[in-house]
């Protein structure tokens, strides 16, 4: 009787082991898919970060150039103000800016 019970328990446990092995295989498959998604998202992030970093660097350089040429602005605006074909409203706005 004990042998029969032990054999029945062994069969039941073998079935549970098989179910658990299927669950493990499924979890490993899901892990692999999730890892692939994360790797792709990380690649996208790295590319976006590099693009944004380059953009920020370009903006900082442009600001530096504009600041270095700040003295040229009034002269340029005077040329625009005196150019033919500029509407009177624009000339007034330029004159107001230069008066500041």
N, C-alpha and C. Protein backbone atom coordinates (compact mmCIF):
# COMPACT_ATOMS: atom_id res chain seq x y z
N UNK A 1 0.82 -1.19 0.00
CA UNK A 1 0.00 0.00 0.00
C UNK A 1 0.87 1.25 0.00
N UNK A 2 1.97 1.18 0.78
CA UNK A 2 2.85 2.34 0.83
C UNK A 2 3.54 2.55 -0.53
N UNK A 3 3.85 1.45 -1.19
CA UNK A 3 4.52 1.56 -2.49
C UNK A 3 3.56 2.19 -3.52
N UNK A 4 2.31 1.77 -3.48
CA UNK A 4 1.31 2.30 -4.42
C UNK A 4 1.10 3.79 -4.16
N UNK A 5 1.04 4.18 -2.90
CA UNK A 5 0.86 5.60 -2.55
C UNK A 5 2.07 6.41 -3.00
N UNK A 6 3.26 5.86 -2.78
CA UNK A 6 4.47 6.56 -3.19
C UNK A 6 4.52 6.70 -4.70
N UNK A 7 4.10 5.66 -5.44
CA UNK A 7 4.08 5.75 -6.89
C UNK A 7 3.05 6.78 -7.36
N UNK A 8 1.91 6.85 -6.71
CA UNK A 8 0.88 7.83 -7.06
C UNK A 8 1.40 9.24 -6.78
N UNK A 9 2.06 9.39 -5.63
CA UNK A 9 2.63 10.70 -5.29
C UNK A 9 3.71 11.08 -6.30
N UNK A 10 4.51 10.12 -6.72
CA UNK A 10 5.57 10.38 -7.69
C UNK A 10 4.99 10.82 -9.02
N UNK A 11 3.90 10.16 -9.45
CA UNK A 11 3.25 10.55 -10.70
C UNK A 11 2.67 11.95 -10.58
N UNK A 12 2.04 12.25 -9.46
CA UNK A 12 1.44 13.58 -9.24
C UNK A 12 2.54 14.65 -9.23
N UNK A 13 3.62 14.35 -8.55
CA UNK A 13 4.73 15.30 -8.49
C UNK A 13 5.40 15.47 -9.85
N UNK A 14 5.47 14.38 -10.62
CA UNK A 14 6.04 14.46 -11.97
C UNK A 14 5.19 15.39 -12.84
N UNK A 15 3.86 15.31 -12.68
CA UNK A 15 2.96 16.20 -13.42
C UNK A 15 3.17 17.66 -13.01
N UNK A 16 3.32 17.88 -11.69
CA UNK A 16 3.55 19.23 -11.20
C UNK A 16 4.89 19.77 -11.70
N UNK A 17 5.90 18.90 -11.73
CA UNK A 17 7.21 19.30 -12.23
C UNK A 17 7.12 19.69 -13.70
N UNK A 18 6.38 18.92 -14.47
CA UNK A 18 6.21 19.22 -15.90
C UNK A 18 5.53 20.57 -16.07
N UNK A 19 4.49 20.83 -15.25
CA UNK A 19 3.79 22.12 -15.32
C UNK A 19 4.74 23.27 -14.97
N UNK A 20 5.54 23.05 -13.93
CA UNK A 20 6.48 24.09 -13.52
C UNK A 20 7.55 24.33 -14.58
N UNK A 21 7.99 23.25 -15.24
CA UNK A 21 8.98 23.41 -16.31
C UNK A 21 8.40 24.22 -17.47
N UNK A 22 7.10 23.99 -17.77
CA UNK A 22 6.44 24.78 -18.82
C UNK A 22 6.36 26.24 -18.40
N UNK A 23 6.03 26.47 -17.14
CA UNK A 23 5.95 27.85 -16.63
C UNK A 23 7.31 28.54 -16.70
N UNK A 24 8.35 27.81 -16.35
CA UNK A 24 9.71 28.36 -16.41
C UNK A 24 10.08 28.70 -17.85
N UNK A 25 9.77 27.81 -18.77
CA UNK A 25 10.09 28.04 -20.18
C UNK A 25 9.33 29.26 -20.70
N UNK A 26 8.07 29.39 -20.30
CA UNK A 26 7.27 30.54 -20.72
C UNK A 26 7.85 31.82 -20.13
N UNK A 27 8.21 31.81 -18.85
CA UNK A 27 8.78 32.98 -18.20
C UNK A 27 10.11 33.37 -18.85
N UNK A 28 10.92 32.38 -19.19
CA UNK A 28 12.19 32.67 -19.85
C UNK A 28 11.97 33.30 -21.23
N UNK A 29 10.96 32.81 -21.95
CA UNK A 29 10.62 33.39 -23.25
C UNK A 29 10.16 34.83 -23.11
N UNK A 30 9.32 35.10 -22.10
CA UNK A 30 8.85 36.46 -21.86
C UNK A 30 10.01 37.38 -21.45
N UNK A 31 10.93 36.83 -20.65
CA UNK A 31 12.10 37.60 -20.25
C UNK A 31 12.94 37.97 -21.46
N UNK A 32 13.13 37.03 -22.37
CA UNK A 32 13.92 37.30 -23.57
C UNK A 32 13.26 38.38 -24.43
N UNK A 33 11.93 38.28 -24.59
CA UNK A 33 11.21 39.30 -25.37
C UNK A 33 11.31 40.66 -24.69
N UNK A 34 11.14 40.71 -23.38
CA UNK A 34 11.24 41.97 -22.65
C UNK A 34 12.64 42.56 -22.75
N UNK A 35 13.64 41.71 -22.71
CA UNK A 35 15.03 42.17 -22.84
C UNK A 35 15.26 42.77 -24.22
N UNK A 36 14.71 42.13 -25.25
CA UNK A 36 14.85 42.66 -26.61
C UNK A 36 14.17 44.03 -26.72
N UNK A 37 12.99 44.18 -26.12
CA UNK A 37 12.29 45.46 -26.15
C UNK A 37 13.11 46.53 -25.42
N UNK A 38 13.63 46.18 -24.24
CA UNK A 38 14.44 47.14 -23.48
C UNK A 38 15.70 47.52 -24.24
N UNK A 39 16.33 46.56 -24.90
CA UNK A 39 17.53 46.86 -25.68
C UNK A 39 17.21 47.82 -26.82
N UNK A 40 16.08 47.59 -27.50
CA UNK A 40 15.67 48.49 -28.58
C UNK A 40 15.37 49.88 -28.02
N UNK A 41 14.62 49.95 -26.92
CA UNK A 41 14.29 51.24 -26.32
C UNK A 41 15.55 51.96 -25.86
N UNK A 42 16.51 51.22 -25.33
CA UNK A 42 17.77 51.83 -24.90
C UNK A 42 18.51 52.41 -26.11
N UNK A 43 18.53 51.67 -27.20
CA UNK A 43 19.16 52.17 -28.42
C UNK A 43 18.49 53.45 -28.91
N UNK A 44 17.16 53.47 -28.87
CA UNK A 44 16.42 54.68 -29.26
C UNK A 44 16.77 55.84 -28.34
N UNK A 45 16.84 55.56 -27.04
CA UNK A 45 17.18 56.60 -26.07
C UNK A 45 18.58 57.15 -26.34
N UNK A 46 19.53 56.27 -26.57
CA UNK A 46 20.91 56.71 -26.80
C UNK A 46 20.97 57.61 -28.04
N UNK A 47 20.27 57.22 -29.09
CA UNK A 47 20.27 58.03 -30.32
C UNK A 47 19.60 59.38 -30.07
N UNK A 48 18.48 59.39 -29.37
CA UNK A 48 17.78 60.64 -29.08
C UNK A 48 18.63 61.53 -28.18
N UNK A 49 19.26 60.93 -27.19
CA UNK A 49 20.11 61.71 -26.28
C UNK A 49 21.26 62.34 -27.04
N UNK A 50 21.88 61.59 -27.93
CA UNK A 50 22.99 62.12 -28.73
C UNK A 50 22.50 63.28 -29.60
N UNK A 51 21.33 63.12 -30.21
CA UNK A 51 20.77 64.16 -31.06
C UNK A 51 20.49 65.43 -30.24
N UNK A 52 19.86 65.25 -29.08
CA UNK A 52 19.57 66.40 -28.22
C UNK A 52 20.85 67.06 -27.72
N UNK A 53 21.84 66.26 -27.38
CA UNK A 53 23.11 66.81 -26.91
C UNK A 53 23.77 67.64 -28.00
N UNK A 54 23.73 67.13 -29.23
CA UNK A 54 24.29 67.89 -30.35
C UNK A 54 23.52 69.20 -30.56
N UNK A 55 22.20 69.14 -30.42
CA UNK A 55 21.38 70.33 -30.60
C UNK A 55 21.69 71.37 -29.52
N UNK A 56 21.81 70.92 -28.28
CA UNK A 56 22.13 71.84 -27.18
C UNK A 56 23.50 72.46 -27.42
N UNK A 57 24.46 71.66 -27.84
CA UNK A 57 25.80 72.18 -28.12
C UNK A 57 25.75 73.23 -29.23
N UNK A 58 24.99 72.95 -30.28
CA UNK A 58 24.89 73.90 -31.39
C UNK A 58 24.24 75.21 -30.93
N UNK A 59 23.22 75.10 -30.09
CA UNK A 59 22.55 76.30 -29.58
C UNK A 59 23.51 77.10 -28.71
N UNK A 60 24.27 76.42 -27.86
CA UNK A 60 25.24 77.12 -27.01
C UNK A 60 26.29 77.84 -27.87
N UNK A 61 26.75 77.19 -28.93
CA UNK A 61 27.72 77.84 -29.81
C UNK A 61 27.09 79.04 -30.53
N UNK A 62 25.83 78.90 -30.95
CA UNK A 62 25.14 80.01 -31.63
C UNK A 62 24.96 81.19 -30.68
N UNK A 63 24.61 80.92 -29.44
CA UNK A 63 24.47 81.99 -28.45
C UNK A 63 25.80 82.70 -28.26
N UNK A 64 26.87 81.93 -28.19
CA UNK A 64 28.20 82.51 -28.03
C UNK A 64 28.54 83.42 -29.20
N UNK A 65 28.25 82.97 -30.41
CA UNK A 65 28.52 83.78 -31.60
C UNK A 65 27.67 85.05 -31.57
N UNK A 66 26.40 84.92 -31.23
CA UNK A 66 25.53 86.09 -31.19
C UNK A 66 26.00 87.09 -30.14
N UNK A 67 26.42 86.58 -29.00
CA UNK A 67 26.92 87.48 -27.95
C UNK A 67 28.20 88.18 -28.38
N UNK A 68 29.05 87.49 -29.12
CA UNK A 68 30.30 88.10 -29.57
C UNK A 68 30.05 89.16 -30.63
N UNK A 69 28.92 89.10 -31.29
CA UNK A 69 28.61 90.08 -32.33
C UNK A 69 27.51 91.04 -31.90
N UNK A 70 27.31 91.15 -30.62
CA UNK A 70 26.25 92.00 -30.08
C UNK A 70 26.43 93.45 -30.51
N UNK A 71 27.66 93.90 -30.64
CA UNK A 71 27.93 95.29 -31.03
C UNK A 71 27.49 95.58 -32.46
N UNK A 72 27.37 94.56 -33.29
CA UNK A 72 26.98 94.74 -34.69
C UNK A 72 25.48 94.97 -34.86
N UNK A 73 24.69 94.63 -33.85
CA UNK A 73 23.23 94.69 -33.98
C UNK A 73 22.74 96.11 -34.27
N UNK A 74 23.14 97.13 -33.51
CA UNK A 74 22.62 98.47 -33.81
C UNK A 74 22.97 98.92 -35.23
N UNK A 75 24.19 98.65 -35.67
CA UNK A 75 24.60 99.05 -37.01
C UNK A 75 23.74 98.34 -38.06
N UNK A 76 23.50 97.05 -37.84
CA UNK A 76 22.68 96.28 -38.78
C UNK A 76 21.26 96.82 -38.80
N UNK A 77 20.73 97.15 -37.63
CA UNK A 77 19.37 97.68 -37.57
C UNK A 77 19.29 99.06 -38.23
N UNK A 78 20.33 99.85 -38.11
CA UNK A 78 20.34 101.15 -38.79
C UNK A 78 20.28 100.96 -40.30
N UNK A 79 20.99 99.97 -40.80
CA UNK A 79 20.98 99.69 -42.24
C UNK A 79 19.59 99.23 -42.67
N UNK A 80 18.96 98.39 -41.86
CA UNK A 80 17.62 97.92 -42.19
C UNK A 80 16.63 99.07 -42.14
N UNK A 81 16.74 99.91 -41.12
CA UNK A 81 15.82 101.05 -40.95
C UNK A 81 15.88 101.98 -42.15
N UNK A 82 17.08 102.19 -42.66
CA UNK A 82 17.25 103.13 -43.76
C UNK A 82 17.06 102.50 -45.13
N UNK A 83 16.82 101.22 -45.18
CA UNK A 83 16.64 100.54 -46.47
C UNK A 83 15.30 100.92 -47.08
N UNK A 84 15.27 101.04 -48.40
CA UNK A 84 13.99 101.36 -49.05
C UNK A 84 13.04 100.16 -48.98
N UNK A 85 11.78 100.44 -48.94
CA UNK A 85 10.78 99.39 -48.94
C UNK A 85 10.44 98.86 -47.56
N UNK A 86 11.01 99.40 -46.51
CA UNK A 86 10.70 98.97 -45.14
C UNK A 86 9.47 99.77 -44.70
N UNK A 87 8.42 99.10 -44.23
CA UNK A 87 7.21 99.82 -43.80
C UNK A 87 7.52 100.78 -42.64
N UNK A 88 6.75 101.86 -42.57
CA UNK A 88 6.97 102.87 -41.54
C UNK A 88 6.83 102.27 -40.14
N UNK A 89 5.90 101.33 -39.95
CA UNK A 89 5.72 100.70 -38.64
C UNK A 89 6.98 99.97 -38.21
N UNK A 90 7.63 99.30 -39.15
CA UNK A 90 8.87 98.58 -38.85
C UNK A 90 9.98 99.56 -38.51
N UNK A 91 10.03 100.67 -39.23
CA UNK A 91 11.05 101.68 -38.95
C UNK A 91 10.86 102.25 -37.54
N UNK A 92 9.62 102.47 -37.16
CA UNK A 92 9.33 102.99 -35.82
C UNK A 92 9.74 101.97 -34.77
N UNK A 93 9.45 100.69 -34.99
CA UNK A 93 9.83 99.64 -34.04
C UNK A 93 11.35 99.54 -33.91
N UNK A 94 12.05 99.65 -35.03
CA UNK A 94 13.52 99.60 -35.00
C UNK A 94 14.07 100.80 -34.24
N UNK A 95 13.52 101.98 -34.52
CA UNK A 95 13.97 103.20 -33.83
C UNK A 95 13.72 103.08 -32.33
N UNK A 96 12.58 102.52 -31.96
CA UNK A 96 12.27 102.33 -30.53
C UNK A 96 13.26 101.38 -29.89
N UNK A 97 13.62 100.31 -30.59
CA UNK A 97 14.58 99.33 -30.05
C UNK A 97 15.95 99.98 -29.90
N UNK A 98 16.36 100.78 -30.88
CA UNK A 98 17.67 101.40 -30.83
C UNK A 98 17.75 102.47 -29.74
N UNK A 99 16.62 103.06 -29.41
CA UNK A 99 16.59 104.09 -28.38
C UNK A 99 16.78 103.52 -26.97
N UNK A 100 16.60 102.25 -26.80
CA UNK A 100 16.70 101.64 -25.46
C UNK A 100 18.09 101.62 -24.95
